Amino acid sequence: MRIRCPYCGERDLSEYIYHGDMAARPDPAAPDAQRRFYEAVYLRDNPAGPHEELWYHANGCRGWLRVRRDTRTHEILDTAFAGS
């Protein structure tokens, strides 16, 4: 699989680290934070089709990317910096 970084261009998957879906992360200061993180990591949805994910370009520009990927085919539909 190849992911197009907005800064570095198209790169191999081995340069990236997957950090889960783009859904809001639980607040670590919440009283039930441990339960919420457990649910976010282990009880998450597994959608079939287009899905927005968070990836870190560890062996490149070290940017955080929002990647829209079809989970059925692994086709990358769109990429952008996570803050944009």
PDB file of N, CA and C in Angstrom:
ATOM      1  N   MET A   1       0.857  -1.172   0.000  1.00  0.00           N
ATOM      2  CA  MET A   1       0.000   0.000   0.000  1.00  0.00           C
ATOM      3  C   MET A   1       0.901   1.232   0.000  1.00  0.00           C
ATOM      4  N   ARG A   2       0.495   2.244  -0.730  1.00  0.00           N
ATOM      5  CA  ARG A   2       1.248   3.497  -0.803  1.00  0.00           C
ATOM      6  C   ARG A   2       0.329   4.629  -0.376  1.00  0.00           C
ATOM      7  N   ILE A   3       0.874   5.541   0.419  1.00  0.00           N
ATOM      8  CA  ILE A   3       0.113   6.680   0.926  1.00  0.00           C
ATOM      9  C   ILE A   3       0.771   7.960   0.421  1.00  0.00           C
ATOM     10  N   ARG A   4      -0.047   8.863  -0.104  1.00  0.00           N
ATOM     11  CA  ARG A   4       0.469  10.138  -0.600  1.00  0.00           C
ATOM     12  C   ARG A   4       0.508  11.150   0.545  1.00  0.00           C
ATOM     13  N   CYS A   5       1.719  11.548   0.913  1.00  0.00           N
ATOM     14  CA  CYS A   5       1.918  12.591   1.910  1.00  0.00           C
ATOM     15  C   CYS A   5       1.807  13.928   1.179  1.00  0.00           C
ATOM     16  N   PRO A   6       1.050  14.904   1.726  1.00  0.00           N
ATOM     17  CA  PRO A   6       0.937  16.204   1.064  1.00  0.00           C
ATOM     18  C   PRO A   6       2.285  16.921   0.919  1.00  0.00           C
ATOM     19  N   TYR A   7       3.245  16.600   1.770  1.00  0.00           N
ATOM     20  CA  TYR A   7       4.551  17.254   1.735  1.00  0.00           C
ATOM     21  C   TYR A   7       5.588  16.430   0.971  1.00  0.00           C
ATOM     22  N   CYS A   8       5.667  15.136   1.229  1.00  0.00           N
ATOM     23  CA  CYS A   8       6.718  14.272   0.679  1.00  0.00           C
ATOM     24  C   CYS A   8       6.328  13.548  -0.603  1.00  0.00           C
ATOM     25  N   GLY A   9       5.056  13.512  -0.931  1.00  0.00           N
ATOM     26  CA  GLY A   9       4.602  12.758  -2.090  1.00  0.00           C
ATOM     27  C   GLY A   9       4.250  11.330  -1.718  1.00  0.00           C
ATOM     28  N   GLU A  10       4.058  10.499  -2.704  1.00  0.00           N
ATOM     29  CA  GLU A  10       3.650   9.115  -2.484  1.00  0.00           C
ATOM     30  C   GLU A  10       4.792   8.310  -1.878  1.00  0.00           C
ATOM     31  N   ARG A  11       4.494   7.608  -0.795  1.00  0.00           N
ATOM     32  CA  ARG A  11       5.498   6.819  -0.075  1.00  0.00           C
ATOM     33  C   ARG A  11       4.930   5.468   0.306  1.00  0.00           C
ATOM     34  N   ASP A  12       5.823   4.520   0.574  1.00  0.00           N
ATOM     35  CA  ASP A  12       5.444   3.179   0.983  1.00  0.00           C
ATOM     36  C   ASP A  12       4.849   3.182   2.386  1.00  0.00           C
ATOM     37  N   LEU A  13       3.949   2.259   2.632  1.00  0.00           N
ATOM     38  CA  LEU A  13       3.293   2.112   3.927  1.00  0.00           C
ATOM     39  C   LEU A  13       4.291   1.974   5.077  1.00  0.00           C
ATOM     40  N   SER A  14       5.459   1.384   4.825  1.00  0.00           N
ATOM     41  CA  SER A  14       6.448   1.148   5.881  1.00  0.00           C
ATOM     42  C   SER A  14       6.965   2.445   6.505  1.00  0.00           C
ATOM     43  N   GLU A  15       6.747   3.591   5.871  1.00  0.00           N
ATOM     44  CA  GLU A  15       7.178   4.875   6.427  1.00  0.00           C
ATOM     45  C   GLU A  15       6.186   5.441   7.440  1.00  0.00           C
ATOM     46  N   TYR A  16       5.021   4.827   7.555  1.00  0.00           N
ATOM     47  CA  TYR A  16       3.934   5.379   8.372  1.00  0.00           C
ATOM     48  C   TYR A  16       3.608   4.499   9.564  1.00  0.00           C
ATOM     49  N   ILE A  17       2.975   5.107  10.557  1.00  0.00           N
ATOM     50  CA  ILE A  17       2.449   4.387  11.715  1.00  0.00           C
ATOM     51  C   ILE A  17       0.968   4.714  11.820  1.00  0.00           C
ATOM     52  N   TYR A  18       0.144   3.683  11.873  1.00  0.00           N
ATOM     53  CA  TYR A  18      -1.307   3.839  11.978  1.00  0.00           C
ATOM     54  C   TYR A  18      -1.673   4.187  13.416  1.00  0.00           C
ATOM     55  N   HIS A  19      -2.518   5.199  13.587  1.00  0.00           N
ATOM     56  CA  HIS A  19      -2.924   5.615  14.934  1.00  0.00           C
ATOM     57  C   HIS A  19      -4.422   5.566  15.152  1.00  0.00           C
ATOM     58  N   GLY A  20      -5.141   4.775  14.370  1.00  0.00           N
ATOM     59  CA  GLY A  20      -6.571   4.592  14.600  1.00  0.00           C
ATOM     60  C   GLY A  20      -7.434   5.508  13.757  1.00  0.00           C
ATOM     61  N   ASP A  21      -8.736   5.463  14.060  1.00  0.00           N
ATOM     62  CA  ASP A  21      -9.645   6.274  13.262  1.00  0.00           C
ATOM     63  C   ASP A  21      -9.634   7.720  13.737  1.00  0.00           C
ATOM     64  N   MET A  22     -10.215   8.580  12.928  1.00  0.00           N
ATOM     65  CA  MET A  22     -10.183  10.025  13.200  1.00  0.00           C
ATOM     66  C   MET A  22     -11.217  10.469  14.224  1.00  0.00           C
ATOM     67  N   ALA A  23     -11.945   9.539  14.799  1.00  0.00           N
ATOM     68  CA  ALA A  23     -12.925   9.907  15.829  1.00  0.00           C
ATOM     69  C   ALA A  23     -12.206  10.598  16.980  1.00  0.00           C
ATOM     70  N   ALA A  24     -12.938  11.431  17.676  1.00  0.00           N
ATOM     71  CA  ALA A  24     -12.355  12.167  18.802  1.00  0.00           C
ATOM     72  C   ALA A  24     -11.795  11.193  19.842  1.00  0.00           C
ATOM     73  N   ARG A  25     -10.620  11.485  20.343  1.00  0.00           N
ATOM     74  CA  ARG A  25      -9.989  10.659  21.375  1.00  0.00           C
ATOM     75  C   ARG A  25     -10.615  10.977  22.727  1.00  0.00           C
ATOM     76  N   PRO A  26     -10.692   9.991  23.620  1.00  0.00           N
ATOM     77  CA  PRO A  26     -11.218  10.264  24.966  1.00  0.00           C
ATOM     78  C   PRO A  26     -10.335  11.258  25.713  1.00  0.00           C
ATOM     79  N   ASP A  27     -10.948  12.006  26.588  1.00  0.00           N
ATOM     80  CA  ASP A  27     -10.228  12.976  27.412  1.00  0.00           C
ATOM     81  C   ASP A  27      -9.462  12.222  28.497  1.00  0.00           C
ATOM     82  N   PRO A  28      -8.117  12.320  28.513  1.00  0.00           N
ATOM     83  CA  PRO A  28      -7.353  11.581  29.527  1.00  0.00           C
ATOM     84  C   PRO A  28      -7.596  12.066  30.949  1.00  0.00           C
ATOM     85  N   ALA A  29      -8.173  13.252  31.115  1.00  0.00           N
ATOM     86  CA  ALA A  29      -8.445  13.785  32.460  1.00  0.00           C
ATOM     87  C   ALA A  29      -9.821  13.385  32.976  1.00  0.00           C
ATOM     88  N   ALA A  30     -10.630  12.745  32.161  1.00  0.00           N
ATOM     89  CA  ALA A  30     -11.973  12.337  32.583  1.00  0.00           C
ATOM     90  C   ALA A  30     -11.876  11.277  33.674  1.00  0.00           C
ATOM     91  N   PRO A  31     -12.831  11.263  34.598  1.00  0.00           N
ATOM     92  CA  PRO A  31     -12.779  10.277  35.684  1.00  0.00           C
ATOM     93  C   PRO A  31     -12.836   8.823  35.193  1.00  0.00           C
ATOM     94  N   ASP A  32     -13.506   8.590  34.082  1.00  0.00           N
ATOM     95  CA  ASP A  32     -13.609   7.229  33.545  1.00  0.00           C
ATOM     96  C   ASP A  32     -12.737   7.056  32.299  1.00  0.00           C
ATOM     97  N   ALA A  33     -11.607   7.739  32.273  1.00  0.00           N
ATOM     98  CA  ALA A  33     -10.722   7.742  31.099  1.00  0.00           C
ATOM     99  C   ALA A  33     -10.238   6.339  30.741  1.00  0.00           C
ATOM    100  N   GLN A  34      -9.900   5.530  31.725  1.00  0.00           N
ATOM    101  CA  GLN A  34      -9.390   4.188  31.446  1.00  0.00           C
ATOM    102  C   GLN A  34     -10.430   3.360  30.687  1.00  0.00           C
ATOM    103  N   ARG A  35     -11.674   3.412  31.130  1.00  0.00           N
ATOM    104  CA  ARG A  35     -12.748   2.675  30.457  1.00  0.00           C
ATOM    105  C   ARG A  35     -12.956   3.214  29.046  1.00  0.00           C
ATOM    106  N   ARG A  36     -12.942   4.542  28.883  1.00  0.00           N
ATOM    107  CA  ARG A  36     -13.165   5.143  27.561  1.00  0.00           C
ATOM    108  C   ARG A  36     -12.043   4.792  26.583  1.00  0.00           C
ATOM    109  N   PHE A  37     -10.801   4.787  27.053  1.00  0.00           N
ATOM    110  CA  PHE A  37      -9.693   4.399  26.181  1.00  0.00           C
ATOM    111  C   PHE A  37      -9.781   2.917  25.816  1.00  0.00           C
ATOM    112  N   TYR A  38     -10.153   2.087  26.773  1.00  0.00           N
ATOM    113  CA  TYR A  38     -10.339   0.658  26.486  1.00  0.00           C
ATOM    114  C   TYR A  38     -11.381   0.485  25.388  1.00  0.00           C
ATOM    115  N   GLU A  39     -12.511   1.165  25.525  1.00  0.00           N
ATOM    116  CA  GLU A  39     -13.577   1.060  24.529  1.00  0.00           C
ATOM    117  C   GLU A  39     -13.123   1.604  23.174  1.00  0.00           C
ATOM    118  N   ALA A  40     -12.391   2.716  23.161  1.00  0.00           N
ATOM    119  CA  ALA A  40     -11.928   3.326  21.908  1.00  0.00           C
ATOM    120  C   ALA A  40     -10.931   2.423  21.178  1.00  0.00           C
ATOM    121  N   VAL A  41     -10.115   1.697  21.932  1.00  0.00           N
ATOM    122  CA  VAL A  41      -9.087   0.847  21.322  1.00  0.00           C
ATOM    123  C   VAL A  41      -9.620  -0.543  20.984  1.00  0.00           C
ATOM    124  N   TYR A  42     -10.361  -1.166  21.902  1.00  0.00           N
ATOM    125  CA  TYR A  42     -10.735  -2.567  21.734  1.00  0.00           C
ATOM    126  C   TYR A  42     -12.181  -2.805  21.297  1.00  0.00           C
ATOM    127  N   LEU A  43     -13.066  -1.852  21.526  1.00  0.00           N
ATOM    128  CA  LEU A  43     -14.475  -2.061  21.195  1.00  0.00           C
ATOM    129  C   LEU A  43     -14.933  -1.128  20.077  1.00  0.00           C
ATOM    130  N   ARG A  44     -14.018  -0.748  19.220  1.00  0.00           N
ATOM    131  CA  ARG A  44     -14.326   0.196  18.149  1.00  0.00           C
ATOM    132  C   ARG A  44     -15.058  -0.494  17.004  1.00  0.00           C
ATOM    133  N   ASP A  45     -15.699   0.325  16.186  1.00  0.00           N
ATOM    134  CA  ASP A  45     -16.368  -0.186  14.994  1.00  0.00           C
ATOM    135  C   ASP A  45     -15.338  -0.623  13.972  1.00  0.00           C
ATOM    136  N   ASN A  46     -15.727  -1.517  13.110  1.00  0.00           N
ATOM    137  CA  ASN A  46     -14.873  -1.978  12.022  1.00  0.00           C
ATOM    138  C   ASN A  46     -15.667  -1.820  10.725  1.00  0.00           C
ATOM    139  N   PRO A  47     -15.778  -0.578  10.227  1.00  0.00           N
ATOM    140  CA  PRO A  47     -16.648  -0.330   9.077  1.00  0.00           C
ATOM    141  C   PRO A  47     -16.097  -0.913   7.778  1.00  0.00           C
ATOM    142  N   ALA A  48     -16.989  -1.302   6.888  1.00  0.00           N
ATOM    143  CA  ALA A  48     -16.605  -1.752   5.553  1.00  0.00           C
ATOM    144  C   ALA A  48     -16.892  -0.605   4.594  1.00  0.00           C
ATOM    145  N   GLY A  49     -15.853  -0.116   3.948  1.00  0.00           N
ATOM    146  CA  GLY A  49     -16.022   1.004   3.021  1.00  0.00           C
ATOM    147  C   GLY A  49     -15.135   2.165   3.410  1.00  0.00           C
ATOM    148  N   PRO A  50     -15.433   3.356   2.899  1.00  0.00           N
ATOM    149  CA  PRO A  50     -14.608   4.533   3.193  1.00  0.00           C
ATOM    150  C   PRO A  50     -14.552   4.837   4.693  1.00  0.00           C
ATOM    151  N   HIS A  51     -13.346   5.129   5.164  1.00  0.00           N
ATOM    152  CA  HIS A  51     -13.129   5.354   6.593  1.00  0.00           C
ATOM    153  C   HIS A  51     -11.997   6.357   6.765  1.00  0.00           C
ATOM    154  N   GLU A  52     -12.151   7.319   7.679  1.00  0.00           N
ATOM    155  CA  GLU A  52     -11.095   8.301   7.936  1.00  0.00           C
ATOM    156  C   GLU A  52     -10.208   7.819   9.072  1.00  0.00           C
ATOM    157  N   GLU A  53      -8.898   7.837   8.813  1.00  0.00           N
ATOM    158  CA  GLU A  53      -7.923   7.315   9.768  1.00  0.00           C
ATOM    159  C   GLU A  53      -6.830   8.341  10.030  1.00  0.00           C
ATOM    160  N   LEU A  54      -6.141   8.166  11.139  1.00  0.00           N
ATOM    161  CA  LEU A  54      -5.031   9.022  11.517  1.00  0.00           C
ATOM    162  C   LEU A  54      -3.736   8.238  11.344  1.00  0.00           C
ATOM    163  N   TRP A  55      -2.799   8.787  10.562  1.00  0.00           N
ATOM    164  CA  TRP A  55      -1.499   8.157  10.299  1.00  0.00           C
ATOM    165  C   TRP A  55      -0.400   9.158  10.607  1.00  0.00           C
ATOM    166  N   TYR A  56       0.730   8.648  11.086  1.00  0.00           N
ATOM    167  CA  TYR A  56       1.902   9.469  11.402  1.00  0.00           C
ATOM    168  C   TYR A  56       3.010   9.108  10.420  1.00  0.00           C
ATOM    169  N   HIS A  57       3.573  10.098   9.735  1.00  0.00           N
ATOM    170  CA  HIS A  57       4.640   9.853   8.759  1.00  0.00           C
ATOM    171  C   HIS A  57       5.979   9.838   9.506  1.00  0.00           C
ATOM    172  N   ALA A  58       6.248   8.745  10.181  1.00  0.00           N
ATOM    173  CA  ALA A  58       7.403   8.610  11.066  1.00  0.00           C
ATOM    174  C   ALA A  58       8.741   8.668  10.339  1.00  0.00           C
ATOM    175  N   ASN A  59       8.830   8.037   9.171  1.00  0.00           N
ATOM    176  CA  ASN A  59      10.098   7.998   8.440  1.00  0.00           C
ATOM    177  C   ASN A  59      10.100   8.980   7.275  1.00  0.00           C
ATOM    178  N   GLY A  60       9.440  10.093   7.475  1.00  0.00           N
ATOM    179  CA  GLY A  60       9.377  11.135   6.451  1.00  0.00           C
ATOM    180  C   GLY A  60       9.362  12.490   7.128  1.00  0.00           C
ATOM    181  N   CYS A  61       8.341  13.272   6.837  1.00  0.00           N
ATOM    182  CA  CYS A  61       8.258  14.645   7.357  1.00  0.00           C
ATOM    183  C   CYS A  61       7.770  14.706   8.800  1.00  0.00           C
ATOM    184  N   ARG A  62       7.391  13.569   9.369  1.00  0.00           N
ATOM    185  CA  ARG A  62       6.859  13.472  10.735  1.00  0.00           C
ATOM    186  C   ARG A  62       5.546  14.226  10.912  1.00  0.00           C
ATOM    187  N   GLY A  63       4.810  14.315   9.829  1.00  0.00           N
ATOM    188  CA  GLY A  63       3.504  14.970   9.880  1.00  0.00           C
ATOM    189  C   GLY A  63       2.401  13.985  10.236  1.00  0.00           C
ATOM    190  N   TRP A  64       1.328  14.511  10.813  1.00  0.00           N
ATOM    191  CA  TRP A  64       0.133  13.728  11.111  1.00  0.00           C
ATOM    192  C   TRP A  64      -0.809  13.884   9.933  1.00  0.00           C
ATOM    193  N   LEU A  65      -1.282  12.769   9.387  1.00  0.00           N
ATOM    194  CA  LEU A  65      -2.129  12.806   8.202  1.00  0.00           C
ATOM    195  C   LEU A  65      -3.509  12.237   8.485  1.00  0.00           C
ATOM    196  N   ARG A  66      -4.483  12.853   7.854  1.00  0.00           N
ATOM    197  CA  ARG A  66      -5.844  12.321   7.809  1.00  0.00           C
ATOM    198  C   ARG A  66      -5.931  11.562   6.493  1.00  0.00           C
ATOM    199  N   VAL A  67      -6.148  10.257   6.576  1.00  0.00           N
ATOM    200  CA  VAL A  67      -6.191   9.405   5.387  1.00  0.00           C
ATOM    201  C   VAL A  67      -7.595   8.822   5.275  1.00  0.00           C
ATOM    202  N   ARG A  68      -8.211   9.019   4.129  1.00  0.00           N
ATOM    203  CA  ARG A  68      -9.511   8.413   3.856  1.00  0.00           C
ATOM    204  C   ARG A  68      -9.243   7.186   2.992  1.00  0.00           C
ATOM    205  N   ARG A  69      -9.573   5.999   3.547  1.00  0.00           N
ATOM    206  CA  ARG A  69      -9.218   4.724   2.918  1.00  0.00           C
ATOM    207  C   ARG A  69     -10.439   3.825   2.858  1.00  0.00           C
ATOM    208  N   ASP A  70     -10.574   3.111   1.753  1.00  0.00           N
ATOM    209  CA  ASP A  70     -11.637   2.116   1.628  1.00  0.00           C
ATOM    210  C   ASP A  70     -11.130   0.840   2.294  1.00  0.00           C
ATOM    211  N   THR A  71     -11.762   0.431   3.378  1.00  0.00           N
ATOM    212  CA  THR A  71     -11.288  -0.728   4.139  1.00  0.00           C
ATOM    213  C   THR A  71     -11.513  -2.045   3.408  1.00  0.00           C
ATOM    214  N   ARG A  72     -12.363  -2.061   2.386  1.00  0.00           N
ATOM    215  CA  ARG A  72     -12.579  -3.289   1.622  1.00  0.00           C
ATOM    216  C   ARG A  72     -11.453  -3.540   0.630  1.00  0.00           C
ATOM    217  N   THR A  73     -10.925  -2.475   0.015  1.00  0.00           N
ATOM    218  CA  THR A  73      -9.925  -2.625  -1.045  1.00  0.00           C
ATOM    219  C   THR A  73      -8.560  -2.051  -0.667  1.00  0.00           C
ATOM    220  N   HIS A  74      -8.491  -1.303   0.432  1.00  0.00           N
ATOM    221  CA  HIS A  74      -7.299  -0.585   0.894  1.00  0.00           C
ATOM    222  C   HIS A  74      -6.912   0.561  -0.041  1.00  0.00           C
ATOM    223  N   GLU A  75      -7.797   0.934  -0.943  1.00  0.00           N
ATOM    224  CA  GLU A  75      -7.541   2.070  -1.828  1.00  0.00           C
ATOM    225  C   GLU A  75      -7.530   3.359  -1.005  1.00  0.00           C
ATOM    226  N   ILE A  76      -6.500   4.170  -1.194  1.00  0.00           N
ATOM    227  CA  ILE A  76      -6.416   5.470  -0.532  1.00  0.00           C
ATOM    228  C   ILE A  76      -7.231   6.454  -1.362  1.00  0.00           C
ATOM    229  N   LEU A  77      -8.273   7.018  -0.761  1.00  0.00           N
ATOM    230  CA  LEU A  77      -9.176   7.908  -1.474  1.00  0.00           C
ATOM    231  C   LEU A  77      -8.749   9.366  -1.376  1.00  0.00           C
ATOM    232  N   ASP A  78      -8.118   9.746  -0.256  1.00  0.00           N
ATOM    233  CA  ASP A  78      -7.726  11.137  -0.040  1.00  0.00           C
ATOM    234  C   ASP A  78      -6.767  11.205   1.144  1.00  0.00           C
ATOM    235  N   THR A  79      -5.856  12.175   1.103  1.00  0.00           N
ATOM    236  CA  THR A  79      -4.971  12.442   2.235  1.00  0.00           C
ATOM    237  C   THR A  79      -4.848  13.940   2.431  1.00  0.00           C
ATOM    238  N   ALA A  80      -4.623  14.336   3.675  1.00  0.00           N
ATOM    239  CA  ALA A  80      -4.419  15.747   4.019  1.00  0.00           C
ATOM    240  C   ALA A  80      -3.730  15.785   5.375  1.00  0.00           C
ATOM    241  N   PHE A  81      -3.099  16.896   5.683  1.00  0.00           N
ATOM    242  CA  PHE A  81      -2.549  17.037   7.029  1.00  0.00           C
ATOM    243  C   PHE A  81      -3.700  17.041   8.020  1.00  0.00           C
ATOM    244  N   ALA A  82      -3.529  16.412   9.165  1.00  0.00           N
ATOM    245  CA  ALA A  82      -4.594  16.234  10.138  1.00  0.00           C
ATOM    246  C   ALA A  82      -5.151  17.557  10.646  1.00  0.00           C
ATOM    247  N   GLY A  83      -4.360  18.591  10.722  1.00  0.00           N
ATOM    248  CA  GLY A  83      -4.841  19.875  11.219  1.00  0.00           C
ATOM    249  C   GLY A  83      -5.590  20.702  10.194  1.00  0.00           C
ATOM    250  N   SER A  84      -5.645  20.240   8.939  1.00  0.00           N
ATOM    251  CA  SER A  84      -6.296  21.054   7.899  1.00  0.00           C
ATOM    252  C   SER A  84      -7.687  20.590   7.598  1.00  0.00           C
TER     253      SER A  84
END
